[in-house]
Amino acid sequence: MKYKRTRPGVNLLVWGLVVVAYAAAAATIVIETRDPGFRDLSRIGHMTIHAPDDARRLGASQVAALYRARSGTPFSTLSPGSTIKVVWPDGSSEVVRITDPSSPLGATPVPGTQQAPE
């Protein structure tokens, strides 16, 4: 019986990609805006997934800025490209990608990740 050999390093590359993808998926931070520290923010009050995109971007950027400010390393927390899952006050949620930490519109909702309240 002959075994088909693959090029050396292909298995290492495949497993490396699997580990990186898993680490990226596991690194998503969940922020509950119903918590006392977030619910009094001006852009969060009555936010839902049905609000316009710009309003959700502003709210998510404000939540990310507060999370970043409360962390021990504010300049390296939530760097561009990282994702957070925001749970809005009504219980609906969506995943948001950080695009520019210094911009008021520095977060972009990821299409297809919006979930209605349970």
PDB file of N, CA and C in Angstrom:
ATOM      1  N   MET A   1       0.836  -1.159   0.000  1.00  0.00           N
ATOM      2  CA  MET A   1       0.000   0.000   0.000  1.00  0.00           C
ATOM      3  C   MET A   1       0.892   1.237   0.000  1.00  0.00           C
ATOM      4  N   LYS A   2       0.627   2.125  -0.927  1.00  0.00           N
ATOM      5  CA  LYS A   2       1.420   3.343  -1.024  1.00  0.00           C
ATOM      6  C   LYS A   2       0.646   4.504  -0.410  1.00  0.00           C
ATOM      7  N   TYR A   3       1.374   5.322   0.281  1.00  0.00           N
ATOM      8  CA  TYR A   3       0.787   6.534   0.850  1.00  0.00           C
ATOM      9  C   TYR A   3       1.203   7.716  -0.005  1.00  0.00           C
ATOM     10  N   LYS A   4       0.265   8.586  -0.250  1.00  0.00           N
ATOM     11  CA  LYS A   4       0.573   9.775  -1.019  1.00  0.00           C
ATOM     12  C   LYS A   4       1.219  10.800  -0.097  1.00  0.00           C
ATOM     13  N   ARG A   5       2.383  11.244  -0.458  1.00  0.00           N
ATOM     14  CA  ARG A   5       3.134  12.190   0.365  1.00  0.00           C
ATOM     15  C   ARG A   5       2.815  13.618  -0.058  1.00  0.00           C
ATOM     16  N   THR A   6       2.686  14.476   0.896  1.00  0.00           N
ATOM     17  CA  THR A   6       2.505  15.891   0.593  1.00  0.00           C
ATOM     18  C   THR A   6       3.843  16.592   0.761  1.00  0.00           C
ATOM     19  N   ARG A   7       3.895  17.786   0.286  1.00  0.00           N
ATOM     20  CA  ARG A   7       5.126  18.542   0.413  1.00  0.00           C
ATOM     21  C   ARG A   7       5.399  18.826   1.883  1.00  0.00           C
ATOM     22  N   PRO A   8       6.652  18.743   2.280  1.00  0.00           N
ATOM     23  CA  PRO A   8       6.958  19.041   3.683  1.00  0.00           C
ATOM     24  C   PRO A   8       6.592  20.487   4.009  1.00  0.00           C
ATOM     25  N   GLY A   9       5.986  20.681   5.099  1.00  0.00           N
ATOM     26  CA  GLY A   9       5.594  22.014   5.517  1.00  0.00           C
ATOM     27  C   GLY A   9       4.141  22.344   5.238  1.00  0.00           C
ATOM     28  N   VAL A  10       3.480  21.595   4.354  1.00  0.00           N
ATOM     29  CA  VAL A  10       2.076  21.876   4.060  1.00  0.00           C
ATOM     30  C   VAL A  10       1.220  21.597   5.291  1.00  0.00           C
ATOM     31  N   ASN A  11       1.487  20.476   5.946  1.00  0.00           N
ATOM     32  CA  ASN A  11       0.724  20.159   7.164  1.00  0.00           C
ATOM     33  C   ASN A  11       0.952  21.219   8.237  1.00  0.00           C
ATOM     34  N   LEU A  12       2.178  21.669   8.364  1.00  0.00           N
ATOM     35  CA  LEU A  12       2.488  22.707   9.342  1.00  0.00           C
ATOM     36  C   LEU A  12       1.745  23.997   9.006  1.00  0.00           C
ATOM     37  N   LEU A  13       1.690  24.347   7.735  1.00  0.00           N
ATOM     38  CA  LEU A  13       0.981  25.544   7.306  1.00  0.00           C
ATOM     39  C   LEU A  13      -0.515  25.439   7.593  1.00  0.00           C
ATOM     40  N   VAL A  14      -1.102  24.298   7.279  1.00  0.00           N
ATOM     41  CA  VAL A  14      -2.537  24.098   7.515  1.00  0.00           C
ATOM     42  C   VAL A  14      -2.848  24.183   8.998  1.00  0.00           C
ATOM     43  N   TRP A  15      -2.088  23.496   9.829  1.00  0.00           N
ATOM     44  CA  TRP A  15      -2.345  23.536  11.265  1.00  0.00           C
ATOM     45  C   TRP A  15      -2.073  24.915  11.848  1.00  0.00           C
ATOM     46  N   GLY A  16      -1.094  25.613  11.303  1.00  0.00           N
ATOM     47  CA  GLY A  16      -0.829  26.981  11.750  1.00  0.00           C
ATOM     48  C   GLY A  16      -2.007  27.896  11.464  1.00  0.00           C
ATOM     49  N   LEU A  17      -2.597  27.759  10.274  1.00  0.00           N
ATOM     50  CA  LEU A  17      -3.773  28.561   9.932  1.00  0.00           C
ATOM     51  C   LEU A  17      -4.965  28.228  10.818  1.00  0.00           C
ATOM     52  N   VAL A  18      -5.136  26.957  11.149  1.00  0.00           N
ATOM     53  CA  VAL A  18      -6.229  26.546  12.029  1.00  0.00           C
ATOM     54  C   VAL A  18      -6.058  27.178  13.414  1.00  0.00           C
ATOM     55  N   VAL A  19      -4.862  27.151  13.942  1.00  0.00           N
ATOM     56  CA  VAL A  19      -4.605  27.716  15.265  1.00  0.00           C
ATOM     57  C   VAL A  19      -4.829  29.225  15.261  1.00  0.00           C
ATOM     58  N   VAL A  20      -4.358  29.909  14.222  1.00  0.00           N
ATOM     59  CA  VAL A  20      -4.536  31.361  14.146  1.00  0.00           C
ATOM     60  C   VAL A  20      -6.017  31.719  14.022  1.00  0.00           C
ATOM     61  N   ALA A  21      -6.756  30.984  13.199  1.00  0.00           N
ATOM     62  CA  ALA A  21      -8.189  31.260  13.040  1.00  0.00           C
ATOM     63  C   ALA A  21      -8.934  31.023  14.348  1.00  0.00           C
ATOM     64  N   TYR A  22      -8.594  29.963  15.059  1.00  0.00           N
ATOM     65  CA  TYR A  22      -9.245  29.683  16.333  1.00  0.00           C
ATOM     66  C   TYR A  22      -8.914  30.766  17.359  1.00  0.00           C
ATOM     67  N   ALA A  23      -7.669  31.189  17.394  1.00  0.00           N
ATOM     68  CA  ALA A  23      -7.271  32.227  18.350  1.00  0.00           C
ATOM     69  C   ALA A  23      -7.993  33.540  18.057  1.00  0.00           C
ATOM     70  N   ALA A  24      -8.155  33.866  16.784  1.00  0.00           N
ATOM     71  CA  ALA A  24      -8.862  35.099  16.426  1.00  0.00           C
ATOM     72  C   ALA A  24     -10.335  35.012  16.816  1.00  0.00           C
ATOM     73  N   ALA A  25     -10.947  33.853  16.606  1.00  0.00           N
ATOM     74  CA  ALA A  25     -12.359  33.690  16.963  1.00  0.00           C
ATOM     75  C   ALA A  25     -12.545  33.702  18.478  1.00  0.00           C
ATOM     76  N   ALA A  26     -11.613  33.128  19.200  1.00  0.00           N
ATOM     77  CA  ALA A  26     -11.728  33.058  20.651  1.00  0.00           C
ATOM     78  C   ALA A  26     -11.404  34.400  21.307  1.00  0.00           C
ATOM     79  N   ALA A  27     -10.772  35.295  20.571  1.00  0.00           N
ATOM     80  CA  ALA A  27     -10.353  36.568  21.149  1.00  0.00           C
ATOM     81  C   ALA A  27     -11.426  37.645  21.075  1.00  0.00           C
ATOM     82  N   THR A  28     -12.602  37.326  20.580  1.00  0.00           N
ATOM     83  CA  THR A  28     -13.666  38.316  20.504  1.00  0.00           C
ATOM     84  C   THR A  28     -14.161  38.651  21.911  1.00  0.00           C
ATOM     85  N   ILE A  29     -14.156  39.924  22.222  1.00  0.00           N
ATOM     86  CA  ILE A  29     -14.574  40.402  23.541  1.00  0.00           C
ATOM     87  C   ILE A  29     -16.063  40.713  23.493  1.00  0.00           C
ATOM     88  N   VAL A  30     -16.795  40.318  24.534  1.00  0.00           N
ATOM     89  CA  VAL A  30     -18.229  40.603  24.623  1.00  0.00           C
ATOM     90  C   VAL A  30     -18.430  41.742  25.612  1.00  0.00           C
ATOM     91  N   ILE A  31     -19.105  42.804  25.145  1.00  0.00           N
ATOM     92  CA  ILE A  31     -19.383  43.959  25.995  1.00  0.00           C
ATOM     93  C   ILE A  31     -20.894  44.095  26.144  1.00  0.00           C
ATOM     94  N   GLU A  32     -21.358  43.978  27.361  1.00  0.00           N
ATOM     95  CA  GLU A  32     -22.787  44.114  27.681  1.00  0.00           C
ATOM     96  C   GLU A  32     -23.070  45.578  27.996  1.00  0.00           C
ATOM     97  N   THR A  33     -23.847  46.247  27.145  1.00  0.00           N
ATOM     98  CA  THR A  33     -24.148  47.655  27.396  1.00  0.00           C
ATOM     99  C   THR A  33     -25.230  47.832  28.459  1.00  0.00           C
ATOM    100  N   ARG A  34     -25.797  46.726  28.934  1.00  0.00           N
ATOM    101  CA  ARG A  34     -26.771  46.806  30.032  1.00  0.00           C
ATOM    102  C   ARG A  34     -26.082  46.918  31.384  1.00  0.00           C
ATOM    103  N   ASP A  35     -24.769  46.682  31.418  1.00  0.00           N
ATOM    104  CA  ASP A  35     -24.017  46.811  32.665  1.00  0.00           C
ATOM    105  C   ASP A  35     -24.008  48.273  33.112  1.00  0.00           C
ATOM    106  N   PRO A  36     -23.965  48.518  34.419  1.00  0.00           N
ATOM    107  CA  PRO A  36     -24.023  49.892  34.924  1.00  0.00           C
ATOM    108  C   PRO A  36     -22.950  50.816  34.347  1.00  0.00           C
ATOM    109  N   GLY A  37     -21.790  50.306  34.034  1.00  0.00           N
ATOM    110  CA  GLY A  37     -20.721  51.142  33.518  1.00  0.00           C
ATOM    111  C   GLY A  37     -20.941  51.637  32.100  1.00  0.00           C
ATOM    112  N   PHE A  38     -21.819  50.977  31.352  1.00  0.00           N
ATOM    113  CA  PHE A  38     -22.025  51.335  29.957  1.00  0.00           C
ATOM    114  C   PHE A  38     -23.410  51.899  29.662  1.00  0.00           C
ATOM    115  N   ARG A  39     -24.406  51.601  30.473  1.00  0.00           N
ATOM    116  CA  ARG A  39     -25.779  51.949  30.102  1.00  0.00           C
ATOM    117  C   ARG A  39     -26.079  53.450  30.138  1.00  0.00           C
ATOM    118  N   ASP A  40     -25.248  54.242  30.806  1.00  0.00           N
ATOM    119  CA  ASP A  40     -25.495  55.677  30.886  1.00  0.00           C
ATOM    120  C   ASP A  40     -24.765  56.477  29.803  1.00  0.00           C
ATOM    121  N   LEU A  41     -24.128  55.806  28.865  1.00  0.00           N
ATOM    122  CA  LEU A  41     -23.450  56.514  27.782  1.00  0.00           C
ATOM    123  C   LEU A  41     -24.478  57.181  26.871  1.00  0.00           C
ATOM    124  N   SER A  42     -24.131  58.336  26.341  1.00  0.00           N
ATOM    125  CA  SER A  42     -25.094  59.119  25.557  1.00  0.00           C
ATOM    126  C   SER A  42     -25.536  58.418  24.274  1.00  0.00           C
ATOM    127  N   ARG A  43     -24.693  57.635  23.659  1.00  0.00           N
ATOM    128  CA  ARG A  43     -25.035  56.995  22.390  1.00  0.00           C
ATOM    129  C   ARG A  43     -25.654  55.614  22.552  1.00  0.00           C
ATOM    130  N   ILE A  44     -25.807  55.145  23.770  1.00  0.00           N
ATOM    131  CA  ILE A  44     -26.244  53.778  24.001  1.00  0.00           C
ATOM    132  C   ILE A  44     -27.712  53.680  24.390  1.00  0.00           C
ATOM    133  N   GLY A  45     -28.249  54.641  25.076  1.00  0.00           N
ATOM    134  CA  GLY A  45     -29.594  54.667  25.634  1.00  0.00           C
ATOM    135  C   GLY A  45     -30.610  53.673  25.098  1.00  0.00           C
ATOM    136  N   HIS A  46     -31.055  53.863  23.870  1.00  0.00           N
ATOM    137  CA  HIS A  46     -32.105  53.013  23.297  1.00  0.00           C
ATOM    138  C   HIS A  46     -31.629  52.342  22.014  1.00  0.00           C
ATOM    139  N   MET A  47     -30.376  51.970  21.964  1.00  0.00           N
ATOM    140  CA  MET A  47     -29.783  51.394  20.759  1.00  0.00           C
ATOM    141  C   MET A  47     -30.257  49.960  20.538  1.00  0.00           C
ATOM    142  N   THR A  48     -30.543  49.648  19.294  1.00  0.00           N
ATOM    143  CA  THR A  48     -30.892  48.280  18.880  1.00  0.00           C
ATOM    144  C   THR A  48     -30.180  47.991  17.563  1.00  0.00           C
ATOM    145  N   ILE A  49     -30.297  46.761  17.106  1.00  0.00           N
ATOM    146  CA  ILE A  49     -29.697  46.422  15.815  1.00  0.00           C
ATOM    147  C   ILE A  49     -30.480  47.022  14.659  1.00  0.00           C
ATOM    148  N   HIS A  50     -31.671  47.553  14.944  1.00  0.00           N
ATOM    149  CA  HIS A  50     -32.503  48.146  13.898  1.00  0.00           C
ATOM    150  C   HIS A  50     -32.214  49.633  13.700  1.00  0.00           C
ATOM    151  N   ALA A  51     -31.332  50.189  14.503  1.00  0.00           N
ATOM    152  CA  ALA A  51     -30.946  51.593  14.354  1.00  0.00           C
ATOM    153  C   ALA A  51     -30.106  51.749  13.086  1.00  0.00           C
ATOM    154  N   PRO A  52     -30.019  52.962  12.540  1.00  0.00           N
ATOM    155  CA  PRO A  52     -29.189  53.182  11.354  1.00  0.00           C
ATOM    156  C   PRO A  52     -27.719  52.812  11.615  1.00  0.00           C
ATOM    157  N   ASP A  53     -27.014  52.444  10.557  1.00  0.00           N
ATOM    158  CA  ASP A  53     -25.616  52.027  10.681  1.00  0.00           C
ATOM    159  C   ASP A  53     -24.740  53.075  11.365  1.00  0.00           C
ATOM    160  N   ASP A  54     -24.906  54.344  10.993  1.00  0.00           N
ATOM    161  CA  ASP A  54     -24.071  55.392  11.593  1.00  0.00           C
ATOM    162  C   ASP A  54     -24.309  55.515  13.090  1.00  0.00           C
ATOM    163  N   ALA A  55     -25.548  55.378  13.528  1.00  0.00           N
ATOM    164  CA  ALA A  55     -25.845  55.446  14.964  1.00  0.00           C
ATOM    165  C   ALA A  55     -25.206  54.270  15.697  1.00  0.00           C
ATOM    166  N   ARG A  56     -25.284  53.085  15.104  1.00  0.00           N
ATOM    167  CA  ARG A  56     -24.663  51.909  15.727  1.00  0.00           C
ATOM    168  C   ARG A  56     -23.147  52.032  15.741  1.00  0.00           C
ATOM    169  N   ARG A  57     -22.575  52.601  14.687  1.00  0.00           N
ATOM    170  CA  ARG A  57     -21.121  52.816  14.642  1.00  0.00           C
ATOM    171  C   ARG A  57     -20.689  53.777  15.744  1.00  0.00           C
ATOM    172  N   LEU A  58     -21.447  54.864  15.928  1.00  0.00           N
ATOM    173  CA  LEU A  58     -21.131  55.821  16.996  1.00  0.00           C
ATOM    174  C   LEU A  58     -21.223  55.163  18.373  1.00  0.00           C
ATOM    175  N   GLY A  59     -22.291  54.397  18.587  1.00  0.00           N
ATOM    176  CA  GLY A  59     -22.461  53.718  19.867  1.00  0.00           C
ATOM    177  C   GLY A  59     -21.364  52.705  20.129  1.00  0.00           C
ATOM    178  N   ALA A  60     -21.034  51.912  19.115  1.00  0.00           N
ATOM    179  CA  ALA A  60     -19.982  50.901  19.279  1.00  0.00           C
ATOM    180  C   ALA A  60     -18.625  51.559  19.499  1.00  0.00           C
ATOM    181  N   SER A  61     -18.376  52.682  18.825  1.00  0.00           N
ATOM    182  CA  SER A  61     -17.109  53.398  19.025  1.00  0.00           C
ATOM    183  C   SER A  61     -17.008  53.952  20.439  1.00  0.00           C
ATOM    184  N   GLN A  62     -18.139  54.442  20.973  1.00  0.00           N
ATOM    185  CA  GLN A  62     -18.142  54.971  22.335  1.00  0.00           C
ATOM    186  C   GLN A  62     -17.918  53.846  23.355  1.00  0.00           C
ATOM    187  N   VAL A  63     -18.544  52.704  23.124  1.00  0.00           N
ATOM    188  CA  VAL A  63     -18.353  51.552  24.011  1.00  0.00           C
ATOM    189  C   VAL A  63     -16.899  51.086  23.964  1.00  0.00           C
ATOM    190  N   ALA A  64     -16.341  51.006  22.762  1.00  0.00           N
ATOM    191  CA  ALA A  64     -14.953  50.569  22.616  1.00  0.00           C
ATOM    192  C   ALA A  64     -13.993  51.546  23.285  1.00  0.00           C
ATOM    193  N   ALA A  65     -14.265  52.856  23.159  1.00  0.00           N
ATOM    194  CA  ALA A  65     -13.399  53.856  23.783  1.00  0.00           C
ATOM    195  C   ALA A  65     -13.427  53.732  25.309  1.00  0.00           C
ATOM    196  N   LEU A  66     -14.602  53.521  25.872  1.00  0.00           N
ATOM    197  CA  LEU A  66     -14.702  53.366  27.328  1.00  0.00           C
ATOM    198  C   LEU A  66     -14.004  52.075  27.781  1.00  0.00           C
ATOM    199  N   TYR A  67     -14.191  50.996  27.033  1.00  0.00           N
ATOM    200  CA  TYR A  67     -13.520  49.731  27.366  1.00  0.00           C
ATOM    201  C   TYR A  67     -12.008  49.920  27.311  1.00  0.00           C
ATOM    202  N   ARG A  68     -11.546  50.604  26.287  1.00  0.00           N
ATOM    203  CA  ARG A  68     -10.116  50.854  26.114  1.00  0.00           C
ATOM    204  C   ARG A  68      -9.583  51.708  27.256  1.00  0.00           C
ATOM    205  N   ALA A  69     -10.339  52.730  27.658  1.00  0.00           N
ATOM    206  CA  ALA A  69      -9.896  53.628  28.728  1.00  0.00           C
ATOM    207  C   ALA A  69      -9.813  52.909  30.077  1.00  0.00           C
ATOM    208  N   ARG A  70     -10.670  51.940  30.292  1.00  0.00           N
ATOM    209  CA  ARG A  70     -10.678  51.214  31.571  1.00  0.00           C
ATOM    210  C   ARG A  70      -9.649  50.094  31.630  1.00  0.00           C
ATOM    211  N   SER A  71      -9.064  49.746  30.507  1.00  0.00           N
ATOM    212  CA  SER A  71      -8.097  48.649  30.505  1.00  0.00           C
ATOM    213  C   SER A  71      -6.760  49.127  31.063  1.00  0.00           C
ATOM    214  N   GLY A  72      -5.919  48.194  31.402  1.00  0.00           N
ATOM    215  CA  GLY A  72      -4.607  48.540  31.940  1.00  0.00           C
ATOM    216  C   GLY A  72      -3.663  49.069  30.882  1.00  0.00           C
ATOM    217  N   THR A  73      -3.894  48.721  29.617  1.00  0.00           N
ATOM    218  CA  THR A  73      -3.040  49.175  28.525  1.00  0.00           C
ATOM    219  C   THR A  73      -3.913  49.805  27.442  1.00  0.00           C
ATOM    220  N   PRO A  74      -4.338  51.047  27.639  1.00  0.00           N
ATOM    221  CA  PRO A  74      -5.315  51.654  26.728  1.00  0.00           C
ATOM    222  C   PRO A  74      -4.835  51.841  25.295  1.00  0.00           C
ATOM    223  N   PHE A  75      -3.526  51.938  25.066  1.00  0.00           N
ATOM    224  CA  PHE A  75      -3.049  52.199  23.714  1.00  0.00           C
ATOM    225  C   PHE A  75      -2.870  50.926  22.893  1.00  0.00           C
ATOM    226  N   SER A  76      -2.888  49.776  23.541  1.00  0.00           N
ATOM    227  CA  SER A  76      -2.754  48.525  22.785  1.00  0.00           C
ATOM    228  C   SER A  76      -4.022  47.674  22.839  1.00  0.00           C
ATOM    229  N   THR A  77      -4.985  48.074  23.643  1.00  0.00           N
ATOM    230  CA  THR A  77      -6.247  47.345  23.729  1.00  0.00           C
ATOM    231  C   THR A  77      -7.139  47.719  22.557  1.00  0.00           C
ATOM    232  N   LEU A  78      -7.795  46.745  21.964  1.00  0.00           N
ATOM    233  CA  LEU A  78      -8.685  46.940  20.823  1.00  0.00           C
ATOM    234  C   LEU A  78      -8.000  47.689  19.684  1.00  0.00           C
ATOM    235  N   SER A  79      -6.952  47.108  19.194  1.00  0.00           N
ATOM    236  CA  SER A  79      -6.228  47.693  18.070  1.00  0.00           C
ATOM    237  C   SER A  79      -7.040  47.540  16.783  1.00  0.00           C
ATOM    238  N   PRO A  80      -6.712  48.284  15.738  1.00  0.00           N
ATOM    239  CA  PRO A  80      -7.448  48.165  14.473  1.00  0.00           C
ATOM    240  C   PRO A  80      -7.446  46.720  13.962  1.00  0.00           C
ATOM    241  N   GLY A  81      -8.620  46.268  13.539  1.00  0.00           N
ATOM    242  CA  GLY A  81      -8.771  44.903  13.058  1.00  0.00           C
ATOM    243  C   GLY A  81      -9.350  43.950  14.090  1.00  0.00           C
ATOM    244  N   SER A  82      -9.318  44.328  15.364  1.00  0.00           N
ATOM    245  CA  SER A  82      -9.886  43.454  16.390  1.00  0.00           C
ATOM    246  C   SER A  82     -11.409  43.559  16.372  1.00  0.00           C
ATOM    247  N   THR A  83     -12.061  42.543  16.918  1.00  0.00           N
ATOM    248  CA  THR A  83     -13.517  42.517  16.922  1.00  0.00           C
ATOM    249  C   THR A  83     -14.052  42.454  18.344  1.00  0.00           C
ATOM    250  N   ILE A  84     -15.220  43.049  18.528  1.00  0.00           N
ATOM    251  CA  ILE A  84     -15.932  42.956  19.798  1.00  0.00           C
ATOM    252  C   ILE A  84     -17.382  42.609  19.489  1.00  0.00           C
ATOM    253  N   LYS A  85     -17.997  41.926  20.414  1.00  0.00           N
ATOM    254  CA  LYS A  85     -19.428  41.648  20.302  1.00  0.00           C
ATOM    255  C   LYS A  85     -20.127  42.586  21.272  1.00  0.00           C
ATOM    256  N   VAL A  86     -20.993  43.429  20.726  1.00  0.00           N
ATOM    257  CA  VAL A  86     -21.714  44.409  21.536  1.00  0.00           C
ATOM    258  C   VAL A  86     -23.130  43.898  21.740  1.00  0.00           C
ATOM    259  N   VAL A  87     -23.545  43.802  22.998  1.00  0.00           N
ATOM    260  CA  VAL A  87     -24.918  43.443  23.334  1.00  0.00           C
ATOM    261  C   VAL A  87     -25.619  44.738  23.717  1.00  0.00           C
ATOM    262  N   TRP A  88     -26.574  45.165  22.896  1.00  0.00           N
ATOM    263  CA  TRP A  88     -27.272  46.428  23.101  1.00  0.00           C
ATOM    264  C   TRP A  88     -28.272  46.308  24.253  1.00  0.00           C
ATOM    265  N   PRO A  89     -28.775  47.425  24.778  1.00  0.00           N
ATOM    266  CA  PRO A  89     -29.663  47.394  25.951  1.00  0.00           C
ATOM    267  C   PRO A  89     -30.919  46.542  25.785  1.00  0.00           C
ATOM    268  N   ASP A  90     -31.424  46.379  24.566  1.00  0.00           N
ATOM    269  CA  ASP A  90     -32.623  45.565  24.373  1.00  0.00           C
ATOM    270  C   ASP A  90     -32.318  44.076  24.283  1.00  0.00           C
ATOM    271  N   GLY A  91     -31.046  43.698  24.339  1.00  0.00           N
ATOM    272  CA  GLY A  91     -30.654  42.289  24.279  1.00  0.00           C
ATOM    273  C   GLY A  91     -30.186  41.848  22.898  1.00  0.00           C
ATOM    274  N   SER A  92     -30.381  42.683  21.877  1.00  0.00           N
ATOM    275  CA  SER A  92     -29.873  42.338  20.547  1.00  0.00           C
ATOM    276  C   SER A  92     -28.354  42.513  20.549  1.00  0.00           C
ATOM    277  N   SER A  93     -27.692  41.842  19.628  1.00  0.00           N
ATOM    278  CA  SER A  93     -26.235  41.905  19.616  1.00  0.00           C
ATOM    279  C   SER A  93     -25.711  41.882  18.189  1.00  0.00           C
ATOM    280  N   GLU A  94     -24.455  42.304  18.049  1.00  0.00           N
ATOM    281  CA  GLU A  94     -23.773  42.248  16.765  1.00  0.00           C
ATOM    282  C   GLU A  94     -22.273  42.299  17.008  1.00  0.00           C
ATOM    283  N   VAL A  95     -21.535  41.817  16.023  1.00  0.00           N
ATOM    284  CA  VAL A  95     -20.081  41.865  16.078  1.00  0.00           C
ATOM    285  C   VAL A  95     -19.640  43.121  15.341  1.00  0.00           C
ATOM    286  N   VAL A  96     -18.676  43.822  15.945  1.00  0.00           N
ATOM    287  CA  VAL A  96     -18.185  45.080  15.399  1.00  0.00           C
ATOM    288  C   VAL A  96     -16.668  44.978  15.250  1.00  0.00           C
ATOM    289  N   ARG A  97     -16.151  45.439  14.116  1.00  0.00           N
ATOM    290  CA  ARG A  97     -14.711  45.450  13.874  1.00  0.00           C
ATOM    291  C   ARG A  97     -14.184  46.869  14.111  1.00  0.00           C
ATOM    292  N   ILE A  98     -13.103  46.962  14.875  1.00  0.00           N
ATOM    293  CA  ILE A  98     -12.464  48.243  15.146  1.00  0.00           C
ATOM    294  C   ILE A  98     -11.640  48.629  13.925  1.00  0.00           C
ATOM    295  N   THR A  99     -11.909  49.821  13.373  1.00  0.00           N
ATOM    296  CA  THR A  99     -11.172  50.270  12.194  1.00  0.00           C
ATOM    297  C   THR A  99     -10.183  51.384  12.522  1.00  0.00           C
ATOM    298  N   ASP A 100     -10.574  52.317  13.376  1.00  0.00           N
ATOM    299  CA  ASP A 100      -9.705  53.433  13.743  1.00  0.00           C
ATOM    300  C   ASP A 100     -10.020  53.852  15.177  1.00  0.00           C
ATOM    301  N   PRO A 101      -9.167  53.503  16.128  1.00  0.00           N
ATOM    302  CA  PRO A 101      -9.454  53.816  17.534  1.00  0.00           C
ATOM    303  C   PRO A 101      -9.560  55.306  17.844  1.00  0.00           C
ATOM    304  N   SER A 102      -9.007  56.174  17.007  1.00  0.00           N
ATOM    305  CA  SER A 102      -9.035  57.604  17.305  1.00  0.00           C
ATOM    306  C   SER A 102     -10.208  58.327  16.657  1.00  0.00           C
ATOM    307  N   SER A 103     -11.034  57.633  15.894  1.00  0.00           N
ATOM    308  CA  SER A 103     -12.145  58.255  15.187  1.00  0.00           C
ATOM    309  C   SER A 103     -13.466  58.023  15.914  1.00  0.00           C
ATOM    310  N   PRO A 104     -14.390  59.005  15.875  1.00  0.00           N
ATOM    311  CA  PRO A 104     -15.715  58.777  16.464  1.00  0.00           C
ATOM    312  C   PRO A 104     -16.506  57.715  15.715  1.00  0.00           C
ATOM    313  N   LEU A 105     -16.155  57.470  14.463  1.00  0.00           N
ATOM    314  CA  LEU A 105     -16.777  56.395  13.681  1.00  0.00           C
ATOM    315  C   LEU A 105     -15.752  55.295  13.433  1.00  0.00           C
ATOM    316  N   GLY A 106     -15.024  54.935  14.478  1.00  0.00           N
ATOM    317  CA  GLY A 106     -13.921  53.989  14.348  1.00  0.00           C
ATOM    318  C   GLY A 106     -14.295  52.535  14.485  1.00  0.00           C
ATOM    319  N   ALA A 107     -15.579  52.214  14.422  1.00  0.00           N
ATOM    320  CA  ALA A 107     -16.033  50.825  14.503  1.00  0.00           C
ATOM    321  C   ALA A 107     -17.036  50.583  13.388  1.00  0.00           C
ATOM    322  N   THR A 108     -16.985  49.399  12.802  1.00  0.00           N
ATOM    323  CA  THR A 108     -17.880  49.062  11.700  1.00  0.00           C
ATOM    324  C   THR A 108     -18.599  47.758  12.012  1.00  0.00           C
ATOM    325  N   PRO A 109     -19.933  47.747  11.982  1.00  0.00           N
ATOM    326  CA  PRO A 109     -20.659  46.489  12.191  1.00  0.00           C
ATOM    327  C   PRO A 109     -20.317  45.476  11.097  1.00  0.00           C
ATOM    328  N   VAL A 110     -20.118  44.244  11.497  1.00  0.00           N
ATOM    329  CA  VAL A 110     -19.826  43.175  10.540  1.00  0.00           C
ATOM    330  C   VAL A 110     -21.160  42.676   9.988  1.00  0.00           C
ATOM    331  N   PRO A 111     -21.365  42.765   8.672  1.00  0.00           N
ATOM    332  CA  PRO A 111     -22.637  42.343   8.093  1.00  0.00           C
ATOM    333  C   PRO A 111     -22.961  40.873   8.391  1.00  0.00           C
ATOM    334  N   GLY A 112     -24.207  40.618   8.696  1.00  0.00           N
ATOM    335  CA  GLY A 112     -24.661  39.249   8.945  1.00  0.00           C
ATOM    336  C   GLY A 112     -24.473  38.758  10.371  1.00  0.00           C
ATOM    337  N   THR A 113     -23.957  39.592  11.267  1.00  0.00           N
ATOM    338  CA  THR A 113     -23.745  39.142  12.642  1.00  0.00           C
ATOM    339  C   THR A 113     -24.798  39.652  13.607  1.00  0.00           C
ATOM    340  N   GLN A 114     -25.769  40.408  13.107  1.00  0.00           N
ATOM    341  CA  GLN A 114     -26.801  40.964  13.979  1.00  0.00           C
ATOM    342  C   GLN A 114     -27.731  39.840  14.440  1.00  0.00           C
ATOM    343  N   GLN A 115     -28.001  39.810  15.743  1.00  0.00           N
ATOM    344  CA  GLN A 115     -28.894  38.806  16.311  1.00  0.00           C
ATOM    345  C   GLN A 115     -29.958  39.501  17.143  1.00  0.00           C
ATOM    346  N   ALA A 116     -31.185  39.094  16.934  1.00  0.00           N
ATOM    347  CA  ALA A 116     -32.312  39.648  17.692  1.00  0.00           C
ATOM    348  C   ALA A 116     -32.227  39.203  19.149  1.00  0.00           C
ATOM    349  N   PRO A 117     -32.888  39.920  20.057  1.00  0.00           N
ATOM    350  CA  PRO A 117     -32.856  39.506  21.469  1.00  0.00           C
ATOM    351  C   PRO A 117     -33.478  38.133  21.658  1.00  0.00           C
ATOM    352  N   GLU A 118     -32.947  37.400  22.599  1.00  0.00           N
ATOM    353  CA  GLU A 118     -33.447  36.038  22.873  1.00  0.00           C
ATOM    354  C   GLU A 118     -34.484  36.031  23.945  1.00  0.00           C
TER     355      GLU A 118
END
